[in-house]
């Protein structure tokens, strides 16, 4: 598995990954184009045998001193191999702000455990955040 910079040529693969990972919460096409082209966004993909198997996008918010993880997705066939952690750590390594934040479904225990192992702590709960009404857990990590 390799971690590489992602770009607009990865649009179809990212759309597929979003659909299989997020279902009804998958981003619309225009949002995917934006995340792949917006100049400040950190975007990395995990690739194995020429196939995108994971993706992370970090959106820097300079005025707030934080980078929001807009998307972190790993193809279900490749989960539990450390790909999500590797992508998140690679994104963190490119950050020049003091804090990272992300949101995760409150029921996604696997992802929450991974984030906690990487030093993220719960900082807020967004009531009814997801399309089906499930709450979103906001997790924060202070960077060195």
Protein backbone atom coordinates (compact mmCIF):
# COMPACT_ATOMS: atom_id res chain seq x y z
CA UNK A 1 0.00 0.00 0.00
CA UNK A 2 1.25 3.45 -0.96
CA UNK A 3 0.03 6.85 0.16
CA UNK A 4 0.07 9.44 -2.61
CA UNK A 5 -1.31 12.90 -3.35
CA UNK A 6 -4.79 12.79 -4.87
CA UNK A 7 -6.07 15.03 -7.65
CA UNK A 8 -9.00 15.55 -10.01
CA UNK A 9 -8.03 12.44 -11.99
CA UNK A 10 -9.15 10.46 -8.91
CA UNK A 11 -12.73 11.74 -9.11
CA UNK A 12 -14.37 8.50 -10.30
CA UNK A 13 -12.48 6.38 -7.77
CA UNK A 14 -13.31 8.80 -4.94
CA UNK A 15 -16.97 8.85 -5.91
CA UNK A 16 -17.07 5.05 -5.86
CA UNK A 17 -15.24 4.95 -2.51
CA UNK A 18 -17.64 7.49 -1.01
CA UNK A 19 -20.67 5.54 -2.17
CA UNK A 20 -19.49 2.21 -0.72
CA UNK A 21 -18.31 3.78 2.53
CA UNK A 22 -20.99 6.37 3.25
CA UNK A 23 -24.13 5.36 1.34
CA UNK A 24 -26.73 8.12 1.75
CA UNK A 25 -24.12 10.35 3.43
CA UNK A 26 -21.82 10.24 0.37
CA UNK A 27 -20.84 13.66 -0.93
CA UNK A 28 -22.45 14.99 -4.11
CA UNK A 29 -20.33 15.19 -7.26
CA UNK A 30 -19.68 18.95 -7.02
CA UNK A 31 -18.40 18.62 -3.43
CA UNK A 32 -16.02 15.85 -4.54
CA UNK A 33 -14.72 18.05 -7.35
CA UNK A 34 -14.18 20.85 -4.82
CA UNK A 35 -12.28 18.66 -2.35
CA UNK A 36 -10.03 17.46 -5.18
CA UNK A 37 -9.29 20.95 -6.54
CA UNK A 38 -9.48 23.47 -3.68
CA UNK A 39 -5.91 24.78 -3.34
CA UNK A 40 -5.42 24.58 0.44
CA UNK A 41 -6.96 21.14 1.00
CA UNK A 42 -4.61 18.30 1.94
CA UNK A 43 -5.75 15.27 -0.08
CA UNK A 44 -4.13 11.87 0.07
CA UNK A 45 -5.08 8.49 -1.28
CA UNK A 46 -4.08 4.98 -0.30
CA UNK A 47 -3.38 2.87 -3.37
CA UNK A 48 -2.86 -0.87 -3.68
CA UNK A 49 -2.35 -2.65 -7.01
CA UNK A 50 -3.32 0.55 -8.82
CA UNK A 51 -6.67 0.88 -7.00
CA UNK A 52 -7.67 3.66 -4.60
CA UNK A 53 -8.54 1.87 -1.37
CA UNK A 54 -8.60 4.87 0.97
CA UNK A 55 -8.77 8.64 0.98
CA UNK A 56 -8.38 11.52 3.42
CA UNK A 57 -8.95 15.24 2.95
CA UNK A 58 -7.91 17.85 5.49
CA UNK A 59 -9.46 21.31 5.16
CA UNK A 60 -7.30 24.01 6.84
CA UNK A 61 -9.19 26.81 8.56
CA UNK A 62 -6.37 29.27 9.19
CA UNK A 63 -8.47 31.83 11.08
CA UNK A 64 -9.53 29.18 13.60
CA UNK A 65 -6.16 27.41 13.81
CA UNK A 66 -7.68 24.05 12.93
CA UNK A 67 -7.70 21.51 10.11
CA UNK A 68 -10.99 19.67 9.67
CA UNK A 69 -10.85 16.15 8.34
CA UNK A 70 -13.55 16.49 5.70
CA UNK A 71 -13.40 12.85 4.58
CA UNK A 72 -11.62 9.74 5.80
CA UNK A 73 -12.73 6.62 3.96
CA UNK A 74 -11.28 3.13 3.59
CA UNK A 75 -12.80 0.53 1.28
CA UNK A 76 -14.56 -2.02 3.53
CA UNK A 77 -12.56 -4.85 1.91
CA UNK A 78 -9.34 -3.29 3.24
CA UNK A 79 -10.35 -2.19 6.73
CA UNK A 80 -8.58 -3.27 9.92
CA UNK A 81 -5.18 -3.10 8.21
CA UNK A 82 -4.11 0.32 9.55
CA UNK A 83 -4.90 2.19 6.33
CA UNK A 84 -7.16 4.74 8.01
CA UNK A 85 -4.54 5.42 10.68
CA UNK A 86 -1.79 5.73 8.07
CA UNK A 87 -3.84 8.20 6.02
CA UNK A 88 -4.72 10.29 9.06
CA UNK A 89 -1.12 10.39 10.30
CA UNK A 90 0.12 11.30 6.81
CA UNK A 91 -2.39 14.15 6.72
CA UNK A 92 -1.35 15.32 10.20
CA UNK A 93 2.29 15.38 9.04
CA UNK A 94 1.37 18.01 6.41
CA UNK A 95 -0.54 20.24 8.81
CA UNK A 96 0.94 23.51 10.03
CA UNK A 97 -1.89 24.41 12.42
CA UNK A 98 -2.16 23.47 16.12
CA UNK A 99 -5.34 21.40 16.00
CA UNK A 100 -7.17 18.73 14.02
CA UNK A 101 -10.91 18.05 14.21
CA UNK A 102 -13.24 15.51 12.66
CA UNK A 103 -16.77 14.21 12.99
CA UNK A 104 -17.84 10.58 13.13
CA UNK A 105 -21.13 8.77 13.56
CA UNK A 106 -21.70 8.14 17.25
CA UNK A 107 -22.37 4.46 16.43
CA UNK A 108 -19.06 3.96 14.54
CA UNK A 109 -17.18 2.34 17.40
CA UNK A 110 -14.34 1.05 15.20
CA UNK A 111 -13.50 4.51 13.88
CA UNK A 112 -13.91 6.11 17.32
CA UNK A 113 -11.49 3.60 18.83
CA UNK A 114 -8.97 4.28 16.06
CA UNK A 115 -9.22 8.03 16.59
CA UNK A 116 -8.79 7.64 20.35
CA UNK A 117 -5.67 5.50 19.85
CA UNK A 118 -4.27 8.31 17.69
CA UNK A 119 -4.89 10.90 20.42
CA UNK A 120 -8.28 12.33 19.43
CA UNK A 121 -10.69 13.19 22.23
CA UNK A 122 -14.42 13.89 22.17
CA UNK A 123 -15.06 17.63 22.18
CA UNK A 124 -18.72 17.97 21.11
CA UNK A 125 -21.82 16.12 19.93
CA UNK A 126 -23.80 17.40 16.96
CA UNK A 127 -27.39 16.32 17.43
CA UNK A 128 -29.00 14.80 14.32
CA UNK A 129 -25.98 15.63 12.14
CA UNK A 130 -26.25 12.75 9.66
CA UNK A 131 -28.95 12.37 6.99
CA UNK A 132 -30.75 9.64 8.96
CA UNK A 133 -30.75 11.76 12.13
CA UNK A 134 -27.88 10.00 13.91
CA UNK A 135 -25.70 12.21 16.09
CA UNK A 136 -22.17 13.14 15.09
CA UNK A 137 -19.32 12.97 17.57
CA UNK A 138 -16.75 15.75 17.15
CA UNK A 139 -13.23 14.68 18.05
CA UNK A 140 -10.22 16.95 18.49
CA UNK A 141 -6.46 16.46 18.65
CA UNK A 142 -3.86 19.04 19.59
CA UNK A 143 -0.79 18.69 17.40
CA UNK A 144 2.77 19.12 18.69
